[in-house]
Amino acid sequence: MRYLLDNFTEITGYARTHLYLALLPLLIGLVIAIPAGALAHRARWLRRITTTAAGIAYTIPSLALFVIIPPLLGIAVIDPLNVVIALTIYSVALLVTAVPAALDSVPTEVLDAADAIGYTRLRRTLTVDFPLALPVFVANLRVVAVTNISMVTVGALIGVGGLGKLFTQGYQRDYPDEIIAGIIVVLVLALVMDRLLYLFGRLATPWLRTGGRHGRRAKGIAA
């Protein structure tokens, strides 16, 4: 803890870089996975393909990706873009299967009610399907965000900045306090991000805060 206090400014800089490398892939992953997952939810054959591809992508070791990506894209191994691309692949792999699972959680009677009163496919998707799927999707999003924050530390092995530097430097110097400081800060970032996404989920689903259920939503649509 003493090391953390004495080097607070330096560690804060590492933490900013760490968050950038963790959250940018998450945002890119959302942009790719939400429409892809929505399409996969409509077509079973596409869902099987995306599930298989996602499973294969997620089983590739992160360090292997860090080595494979640079020669394929013509970038340096120590380029932060290397880590961003690798984590984007993992983020998409997790989120593209989370979207259909979240949409599966929407009760059929709610969808039938929306169709019965003349909702178009797009309107139903934006105002019924996705809002009611949010609780399940946010739960998965929290897992992906925390996973990314943890996996960024591996980037230190190839010389990319972030809190992983505290691990590699602490090991090289045989200085456990530096490693412990890194563990504490990574843990704090993960917990804070998890809580922020939890609060977002609560704010985005006010009917759950007031004790409402999907059935109540269905009545509202039918009315």
C-alpha atoms as a PDB file:
ATOM      1  CA  MET A   1       0.000   0.000   0.000  1.00  0.00           C
ATOM      2  CA  ARG A   2       2.929   2.324   0.692  1.00  0.00           C
ATOM      3  CA  TYR A   3       4.192   1.845  -2.858  1.00  0.00           C
ATOM      4  CA  LEU A   4       0.742   2.709  -4.202  1.00  0.00           C
ATOM      5  CA  LEU A   5       0.646   5.992  -2.268  1.00  0.00           C
ATOM      6  CA  ASP A   6       4.226   6.969  -3.073  1.00  0.00           C
ATOM      7  CA  ASN A   7       3.778   6.379  -6.817  1.00  0.00           C
ATOM      8  CA  PHE A   8       0.165   7.466  -7.143  1.00  0.00           C
ATOM      9  CA  THR A   9       0.733   9.832 -10.102  1.00  0.00           C
ATOM     10  CA  GLU A  10       2.605   7.240 -12.152  1.00  0.00           C
ATOM     11  CA  ILE A  11       0.056   4.536 -11.365  1.00  0.00           C
ATOM     12  CA  THR A  12      -2.799   6.889 -12.318  1.00  0.00           C
ATOM     13  CA  GLY A  13      -1.189   7.273 -15.747  1.00  0.00           C
ATOM     14  CA  TYR A  14      -0.965   3.505 -16.106  1.00  0.00           C
ATOM     15  CA  ALA A  15      -4.622   3.219 -15.065  1.00  0.00           C
ATOM     16  CA  ARG A  16      -5.766   5.709 -17.728  1.00  0.00           C
ATOM     17  CA  THR A  17      -3.922   3.764 -20.418  1.00  0.00           C
ATOM     18  CA  HIS A  18      -5.315   0.532 -19.014  1.00  0.00           C
ATOM     19  CA  LEU A  19      -8.907   1.780 -19.197  1.00  0.00           C
ATOM     20  CA  TYR A  20      -8.405   3.026 -22.744  1.00  0.00           C
ATOM     21  CA  LEU A  21      -7.078  -0.353 -23.872  1.00  0.00           C
ATOM     22  CA  ALA A  22      -9.931  -2.170 -22.108  1.00  0.00           C
ATOM     23  CA  LEU A  23     -12.914   0.031 -22.988  1.00  0.00           C
ATOM     24  CA  LEU A  24     -12.176   0.890 -26.615  1.00  0.00           C
ATOM     25  CA  PRO A  25     -12.404  -2.789 -27.673  1.00  0.00           C
ATOM     26  CA  LEU A  26     -15.609  -3.068 -25.648  1.00  0.00           C
ATOM     27  CA  LEU A  27     -17.198  -0.144 -27.516  1.00  0.00           C
ATOM     28  CA  ILE A  28     -16.073  -1.471 -30.905  1.00  0.00           C
ATOM     29  CA  GLY A  29     -17.333  -4.909 -29.907  1.00  0.00           C
ATOM     30  CA  LEU A  30     -20.772  -3.465 -29.102  1.00  0.00           C
ATOM     31  CA  VAL A  31     -20.989  -1.734 -32.475  1.00  0.00           C
ATOM     32  CA  ILE A  32     -20.208  -5.016 -34.246  1.00  0.00           C
ATOM     33  CA  ALA A  33     -21.955  -7.527 -31.990  1.00  0.00           C
ATOM     34  CA  ILE A  34     -25.361  -5.880 -31.477  1.00  0.00           C
ATOM     35  CA  PRO A  35     -26.456  -5.861 -35.148  1.00  0.00           C
ATOM     36  CA  ALA A  36     -24.704  -9.192 -35.826  1.00  0.00           C
ATOM     37  CA  GLY A  37     -26.335 -10.770 -32.769  1.00  0.00           C
ATOM     38  CA  ALA A  38     -29.754  -9.402 -33.729  1.00  0.00           C
ATOM     39  CA  LEU A  39     -29.422 -10.976 -37.175  1.00  0.00           C
ATOM     40  CA  ALA A  40     -28.245 -14.253 -35.650  1.00  0.00           C
ATOM     41  CA  HIS A  41     -31.321 -14.256 -33.419  1.00  0.00           C
ATOM     42  CA  ARG A  42     -33.573 -14.228 -36.480  1.00  0.00           C
ATOM     43  CA  ALA A  43     -31.782 -16.987 -38.429  1.00  0.00           C
ATOM     44  CA  ARG A  44     -30.923 -20.286 -36.761  1.00  0.00           C
ATOM     45  CA  TRP A  45     -28.278 -21.195 -39.324  1.00  0.00           C
ATOM     46  CA  LEU A  46     -26.532 -17.856 -38.781  1.00  0.00           C
ATOM     47  CA  ARG A  47     -26.744 -18.295 -35.024  1.00  0.00           C
ATOM     48  CA  ARG A  48     -25.012 -21.667 -35.262  1.00  0.00           C
ATOM     49  CA  ILE A  49     -22.250 -20.152 -37.372  1.00  0.00           C
ATOM     50  CA  THR A  50     -21.688 -17.168 -35.058  1.00  0.00           C
ATOM     51  CA  THR A  51     -21.742 -19.362 -31.969  1.00  0.00           C
ATOM     52  CA  THR A  52     -19.147 -21.713 -33.452  1.00  0.00           C
ATOM     53  CA  ALA A  53     -16.955 -18.862 -34.697  1.00  0.00           C
ATOM     54  CA  ALA A  54     -17.196 -17.064 -31.358  1.00  0.00           C
ATOM     55  CA  GLY A  55     -16.244 -20.214 -29.473  1.00  0.00           C
ATOM     56  CA  ILE A  56     -13.204 -20.763 -31.679  1.00  0.00           C
ATOM     57  CA  ALA A  57     -12.105 -17.113 -31.394  1.00  0.00           C
ATOM     58  CA  TYR A  58     -12.384 -17.084 -27.611  1.00  0.00           C
ATOM     59  CA  THR A  59     -10.292 -20.236 -27.217  1.00  0.00           C
ATOM     60  CA  ILE A  60      -7.267 -18.633 -28.913  1.00  0.00           C
ATOM     61  CA  PRO A  61      -4.748 -17.650 -26.190  1.00  0.00           C
ATOM     62  CA  SER A  62      -4.363 -13.891 -25.891  1.00  0.00           C
ATOM     63  CA  LEU A  63      -0.578 -14.015 -26.111  1.00  0.00           C
ATOM     64  CA  ALA A  64      -0.855 -15.989 -29.352  1.00  0.00           C
ATOM     65  CA  LEU A  65      -3.124 -13.300 -30.803  1.00  0.00           C
ATOM     66  CA  PHE A  66      -0.633 -10.598 -29.809  1.00  0.00           C
ATOM     67  CA  VAL A  67       1.997 -12.453 -31.847  1.00  0.00           C
ATOM     68  CA  ILE A  68      -0.204 -13.319 -34.849  1.00  0.00           C
ATOM     69  CA  ILE A  69      -1.934  -9.964 -35.413  1.00  0.00           C
ATOM     70  CA  PRO A  70       1.121  -7.705 -36.135  1.00  0.00           C
ATOM     71  CA  PRO A  71       2.448  -9.575 -39.208  1.00  0.00           C
ATOM     72  CA  LEU A  72      -1.078  -9.967 -40.574  1.00  0.00           C
ATOM     73  CA  LEU A  73      -1.871  -6.243 -40.332  1.00  0.00           C
ATOM     74  CA  GLY A  74       1.615  -4.807 -40.712  1.00  0.00           C
ATOM     75  CA  ILE A  75       1.802  -3.198 -37.281  1.00  0.00           C
ATOM     76  CA  ALA A  76       4.431  -3.393 -34.555  1.00  0.00           C
ATOM     77  CA  VAL A  77       4.075  -5.941 -31.774  1.00  0.00           C
ATOM     78  CA  ILE A  78       4.329  -3.175 -29.173  1.00  0.00           C
ATOM     79  CA  ASP A  79       1.696  -1.042 -30.916  1.00  0.00           C
ATOM     80  CA  PRO A  80      -1.299  -0.503 -28.568  1.00  0.00           C
ATOM     81  CA  LEU A  81      -3.493  -1.216 -31.603  1.00  0.00           C
ATOM     82  CA  ASN A  82      -2.337  -4.817 -31.298  1.00  0.00           C
ATOM     83  CA  VAL A  83      -3.995  -5.133 -27.890  1.00  0.00           C
ATOM     84  CA  VAL A  84      -7.096  -3.220 -29.024  1.00  0.00           C
ATOM     85  CA  ILE A  85      -7.641  -5.571 -31.966  1.00  0.00           C
ATOM     86  CA  ALA A  86      -7.091  -8.713 -29.895  1.00  0.00           C
ATOM     87  CA  LEU A  87      -9.499  -7.608 -27.164  1.00  0.00           C
ATOM     88  CA  THR A  88     -12.032  -6.512 -29.766  1.00  0.00           C
ATOM     89  CA  ILE A  89     -12.016 -10.066 -31.124  1.00  0.00           C
ATOM     90  CA  TYR A  90     -12.681 -11.432 -27.641  1.00  0.00           C
ATOM     91  CA  SER A  91     -15.353  -8.796 -26.954  1.00  0.00           C
ATOM     92  CA  VAL A  92     -17.207  -9.575 -30.169  1.00  0.00           C
ATOM     93  CA  ALA A  93     -16.919 -13.308 -29.484  1.00  0.00           C
ATOM     94  CA  LEU A  94     -18.651 -12.919 -26.131  1.00  0.00           C
ATOM     95  CA  LEU A  95     -21.175 -10.239 -27.053  1.00  0.00           C
ATOM     96  CA  VAL A  96     -22.338 -11.738 -30.356  1.00  0.00           C
ATOM     97  CA  THR A  97     -23.660 -14.741 -28.454  1.00  0.00           C
ATOM     98  CA  ALA A  98     -24.983 -12.619 -25.585  1.00  0.00           C
ATOM     99  CA  VAL A  99     -27.311 -10.595 -27.835  1.00  0.00           C
ATOM    100  CA  PRO A 100     -29.395 -13.571 -29.062  1.00  0.00           C
ATOM    101  CA  ALA A 101     -29.481 -14.996 -25.537  1.00  0.00           C
ATOM    102  CA  ALA A 102     -30.785 -11.669 -24.232  1.00  0.00           C
ATOM    103  CA  LEU A 103     -33.422 -11.454 -26.958  1.00  0.00           C
ATOM    104  CA  ASP A 104     -34.489 -15.025 -26.136  1.00  0.00           C
ATOM    105  CA  SER A 105     -35.403 -13.791 -22.651  1.00  0.00           C
ATOM    106  CA  VAL A 106     -38.189 -11.549 -23.983  1.00  0.00           C
ATOM    107  CA  PRO A 107     -41.528 -13.336 -23.397  1.00  0.00           C
ATOM    108  CA  THR A 108     -43.331 -14.504 -26.515  1.00  0.00           C
ATOM    109  CA  GLU A 109     -46.627 -12.991 -25.350  1.00  0.00           C
ATOM    110  CA  VAL A 110     -45.030  -9.559 -25.293  1.00  0.00           C
ATOM    111  CA  LEU A 111     -43.809  -9.944 -28.865  1.00  0.00           C
ATOM    112  CA  ASP A 112     -47.206 -11.231 -29.963  1.00  0.00           C
ATOM    113  CA  ALA A 113     -48.910  -8.257 -28.345  1.00  0.00           C
ATOM    114  CA  ALA A 114     -46.593  -5.820 -30.141  1.00  0.00           C
ATOM    115  CA  ASP A 115     -47.199  -7.560 -33.480  1.00  0.00           C
ATOM    116  CA  ALA A 116     -50.951  -7.624 -32.884  1.00  0.00           C
ATOM    117  CA  ILE A 117     -51.198  -3.848 -32.552  1.00  0.00           C
ATOM    118  CA  GLY A 118     -49.210  -3.281 -35.719  1.00  0.00           C
ATOM    119  CA  TYR A 119     -45.630  -2.609 -34.599  1.00  0.00           C
ATOM    120  CA  THR A 120     -43.200  -2.779 -37.496  1.00  0.00           C
ATOM    121  CA  ARG A 121     -40.159  -5.030 -37.140  1.00  0.00           C
ATOM    122  CA  LEU A 122     -37.844  -2.055 -36.573  1.00  0.00           C
ATOM    123  CA  ARG A 123     -40.162  -0.345 -34.074  1.00  0.00           C
ATOM    124  CA  ARG A 124     -40.668  -3.554 -32.132  1.00  0.00           C
ATOM    125  CA  THR A 125     -36.938  -4.223 -32.051  1.00  0.00           C
ATOM    126  CA  LEU A 126     -36.080  -0.737 -30.774  1.00  0.00           C
ATOM    127  CA  THR A 127     -38.962  -0.189 -28.345  1.00  0.00           C
ATOM    128  CA  VAL A 128     -39.810  -3.703 -27.148  1.00  0.00           C
ATOM    129  CA  ASP A 129     -37.196  -6.373 -27.877  1.00  0.00           C
ATOM    130  CA  PHE A 130     -34.020  -4.544 -26.908  1.00  0.00           C
ATOM    131  CA  PRO A 131     -35.396  -2.715 -23.826  1.00  0.00           C
ATOM    132  CA  LEU A 132     -36.769  -5.938 -22.338  1.00  0.00           C
ATOM    133  CA  ALA A 133     -33.577  -7.816 -23.229  1.00  0.00           C
ATOM    134  CA  LEU A 134     -31.392  -5.251 -21.432  1.00  0.00           C
ATOM    135  CA  PRO A 135     -31.202  -6.982 -18.008  1.00  0.00           C
ATOM    136  CA  VAL A 136     -29.754 -10.169 -19.504  1.00  0.00           C
ATOM    137  CA  PHE A 137     -27.536  -8.279 -21.943  1.00  0.00           C
ATOM    138  CA  VAL A 138     -26.110  -5.938 -19.290  1.00  0.00           C
ATOM    139  CA  ALA A 139     -25.274  -8.934 -17.111  1.00  0.00           C
ATOM    140  CA  ASN A 140     -23.173 -10.300 -19.980  1.00  0.00           C
ATOM    141  CA  LEU A 141     -21.723  -6.880 -20.730  1.00  0.00           C
ATOM    142  CA  ARG A 142     -20.468  -6.625 -17.155  1.00  0.00           C
ATOM    143  CA  VAL A 143     -18.605  -9.910 -17.585  1.00  0.00           C
ATOM    144  CA  VAL A 144     -16.984  -8.743 -20.826  1.00  0.00           C
ATOM    145  CA  ALA A 145     -15.937  -5.388 -19.340  1.00  0.00           C
ATOM    146  CA  VAL A 146     -14.323  -6.982 -16.285  1.00  0.00           C
ATOM    147  CA  THR A 147     -12.662  -9.628 -18.475  1.00  0.00           C
ATOM    148  CA  ASN A 148     -11.144  -6.940 -20.714  1.00  0.00           C
ATOM    149  CA  ILE A 149      -9.776  -5.025 -17.736  1.00  0.00           C
ATOM    150  CA  SER A 150      -8.120  -8.208 -16.536  1.00  0.00           C
ATOM    151  CA  MET A 151      -6.760  -9.250 -19.940  1.00  0.00           C
ATOM    152  CA  VAL A 152      -5.114  -5.898 -20.700  1.00  0.00           C
ATOM    153  CA  THR A 153      -2.457  -6.804 -18.138  1.00  0.00           C
ATOM    154  CA  VAL A 154      -1.173  -9.503 -20.525  1.00  0.00           C
ATOM    155  CA  GLY A 155      -0.210  -6.710 -22.912  1.00  0.00           C
ATOM    156  CA  ALA A 156       2.685  -5.831 -20.621  1.00  0.00           C
ATOM    157  CA  LEU A 157       4.408  -9.022 -21.769  1.00  0.00           C
ATOM    158  CA  ILE A 158       4.799  -7.508 -25.245  1.00  0.00           C
ATOM    159  CA  GLY A 159       5.678  -4.029 -23.966  1.00  0.00           C
ATOM    160  CA  VAL A 160       2.270  -2.341 -24.209  1.00  0.00           C
ATOM    161  CA  GLY A 161       1.449   0.051 -21.388  1.00  0.00           C
ATOM    162  CA  GLY A 162      -1.111  -0.335 -18.662  1.00  0.00           C
ATOM    163  CA  LEU A 163      -1.170  -1.642 -15.137  1.00  0.00           C
ATOM    164  CA  GLY A 164       0.457  -4.860 -16.312  1.00  0.00           C
ATOM    165  CA  LYS A 165       3.739  -2.942 -16.210  1.00  0.00           C
ATOM    166  CA  LEU A 166       3.552  -3.069 -12.433  1.00  0.00           C
ATOM    167  CA  PHE A 167       3.509  -6.864 -12.633  1.00  0.00           C
ATOM    168  CA  THR A 168       6.424  -7.193 -15.038  1.00  0.00           C
ATOM    169  CA  GLN A 169       8.513  -4.508 -13.304  1.00  0.00           C
ATOM    170  CA  GLY A 170       7.748  -5.930  -9.877  1.00  0.00           C
ATOM    171  CA  TYR A 171       8.783  -9.389 -11.010  1.00  0.00           C
ATOM    172  CA  GLN A 172      11.982  -8.131 -12.651  1.00  0.00           C
ATOM    173  CA  ARG A 173      12.922  -6.113  -9.555  1.00  0.00           C
ATOM    174  CA  ASP A 174      11.770  -8.818  -7.152  1.00  0.00           C
ATOM    175  CA  TYR A 175       9.572  -6.176  -5.552  1.00  0.00           C
ATOM    176  CA  PRO A 176       6.264  -7.716  -4.385  1.00  0.00           C
ATOM    177  CA  ASP A 177       4.838  -4.344  -3.254  1.00  0.00           C
ATOM    178  CA  GLU A 178       4.699  -3.188  -6.875  1.00  0.00           C
ATOM    179  CA  ILE A 179       2.877  -6.352  -7.934  1.00  0.00           C
ATOM    180  CA  ILE A 180       0.413  -6.021  -5.063  1.00  0.00           C
ATOM    181  CA  ALA A 181      -0.250  -2.391  -6.016  1.00  0.00           C
ATOM    182  CA  GLY A 182      -1.034  -3.513  -9.564  1.00  0.00           C
ATOM    183  CA  ILE A 183      -3.426  -6.188  -8.331  1.00  0.00           C
ATOM    184  CA  ILE A 184      -5.235  -3.686  -6.096  1.00  0.00           C
ATOM    185  CA  VAL A 185      -5.694  -1.078  -8.827  1.00  0.00           C
ATOM    186  CA  VAL A 186      -6.841  -3.608 -11.439  1.00  0.00           C
ATOM    187  CA  LEU A 187      -9.314  -5.009  -8.923  1.00  0.00           C
ATOM    188  CA  VAL A 188     -10.616  -1.519  -8.088  1.00  0.00           C
ATOM    189  CA  LEU A 189     -11.044  -0.640 -11.772  1.00  0.00           C
ATOM    190  CA  ALA A 190     -12.909  -3.883 -12.421  1.00  0.00           C
ATOM    191  CA  LEU A 191     -15.219  -3.369  -9.438  1.00  0.00           C
ATOM    192  CA  VAL A 192     -15.938   0.258 -10.342  1.00  0.00           C
ATOM    193  CA  MET A 193     -16.698  -0.625 -13.961  1.00  0.00           C
ATOM    194  CA  ASP A 194     -18.936  -3.492 -12.868  1.00  0.00           C
ATOM    195  CA  ARG A 195     -20.892  -1.175 -10.541  1.00  0.00           C
ATOM    196  CA  LEU A 196     -21.230   1.520 -13.225  1.00  0.00           C
ATOM    197  CA  LEU A 197     -22.656  -0.954 -15.710  1.00  0.00           C
ATOM    198  CA  TYR A 198     -24.955  -2.335 -13.028  1.00  0.00           C
ATOM    199  CA  LEU A 199     -26.271   1.161 -12.336  1.00  0.00           C
ATOM    200  CA  PHE A 200     -26.684   1.765 -16.058  1.00  0.00           C
ATOM    201  CA  GLY A 201     -28.769  -1.383 -16.269  1.00  0.00           C
ATOM    202  CA  ARG A 202     -30.918  -0.233 -13.371  1.00  0.00           C
ATOM    203  CA  LEU A 203     -31.442   3.223 -14.838  1.00  0.00           C
ATOM    204  CA  ALA A 204     -32.247   1.808 -18.266  1.00  0.00           C
ATOM    205  CA  THR A 205     -34.903  -0.572 -16.849  1.00  0.00           C
ATOM    206  CA  PRO A 206     -37.060   1.590 -14.547  1.00  0.00           C
ATOM    207  CA  TRP A 207     -39.908  -0.930 -14.635  1.00  0.00           C
ATOM    208  CA  LEU A 208     -37.722  -3.391 -12.741  1.00  0.00           C
ATOM    209  CA  ARG A 209     -36.914  -0.799 -10.063  1.00  0.00           C
ATOM    210  CA  THR A 210     -40.602  -0.244  -9.431  1.00  0.00           C
ATOM    211  CA  GLY A 211     -41.322  -3.938  -9.183  1.00  0.00           C
ATOM    212  CA  GLY A 212     -42.760  -4.286 -12.690  1.00  0.00           C
ATOM    213  CA  ARG A 213     -42.444  -7.475 -14.671  1.00  0.00           C
ATOM    214  CA  HIS A 214     -42.557  -8.420 -18.312  1.00  0.00           C
ATOM    215  CA  GLY A 215     -46.204  -9.203 -17.952  1.00  0.00           C
ATOM    216  CA  ARG A 216     -46.965  -5.623 -16.985  1.00  0.00           C
ATOM    217  CA  ARG A 217     -45.068  -4.453 -20.055  1.00  0.00           C
ATOM    218  CA  ALA A 218     -47.141  -6.713 -22.196  1.00  0.00           C
ATOM    219  CA  LYS A 219     -50.338  -5.191 -20.821  1.00  0.00           C
ATOM    220  CA  GLY A 220     -49.027  -1.744 -21.544  1.00  0.00           C
ATOM    221  CA  ILE A 221     -48.297  -2.651 -25.163  1.00  0.00           C
ATOM    222  CA  ALA A 222     -51.646  -4.317 -25.625  1.00  0.00           C
ATOM    223  CA  ALA A 223     -53.407  -1.225 -24.279  1.00  0.00           C
END
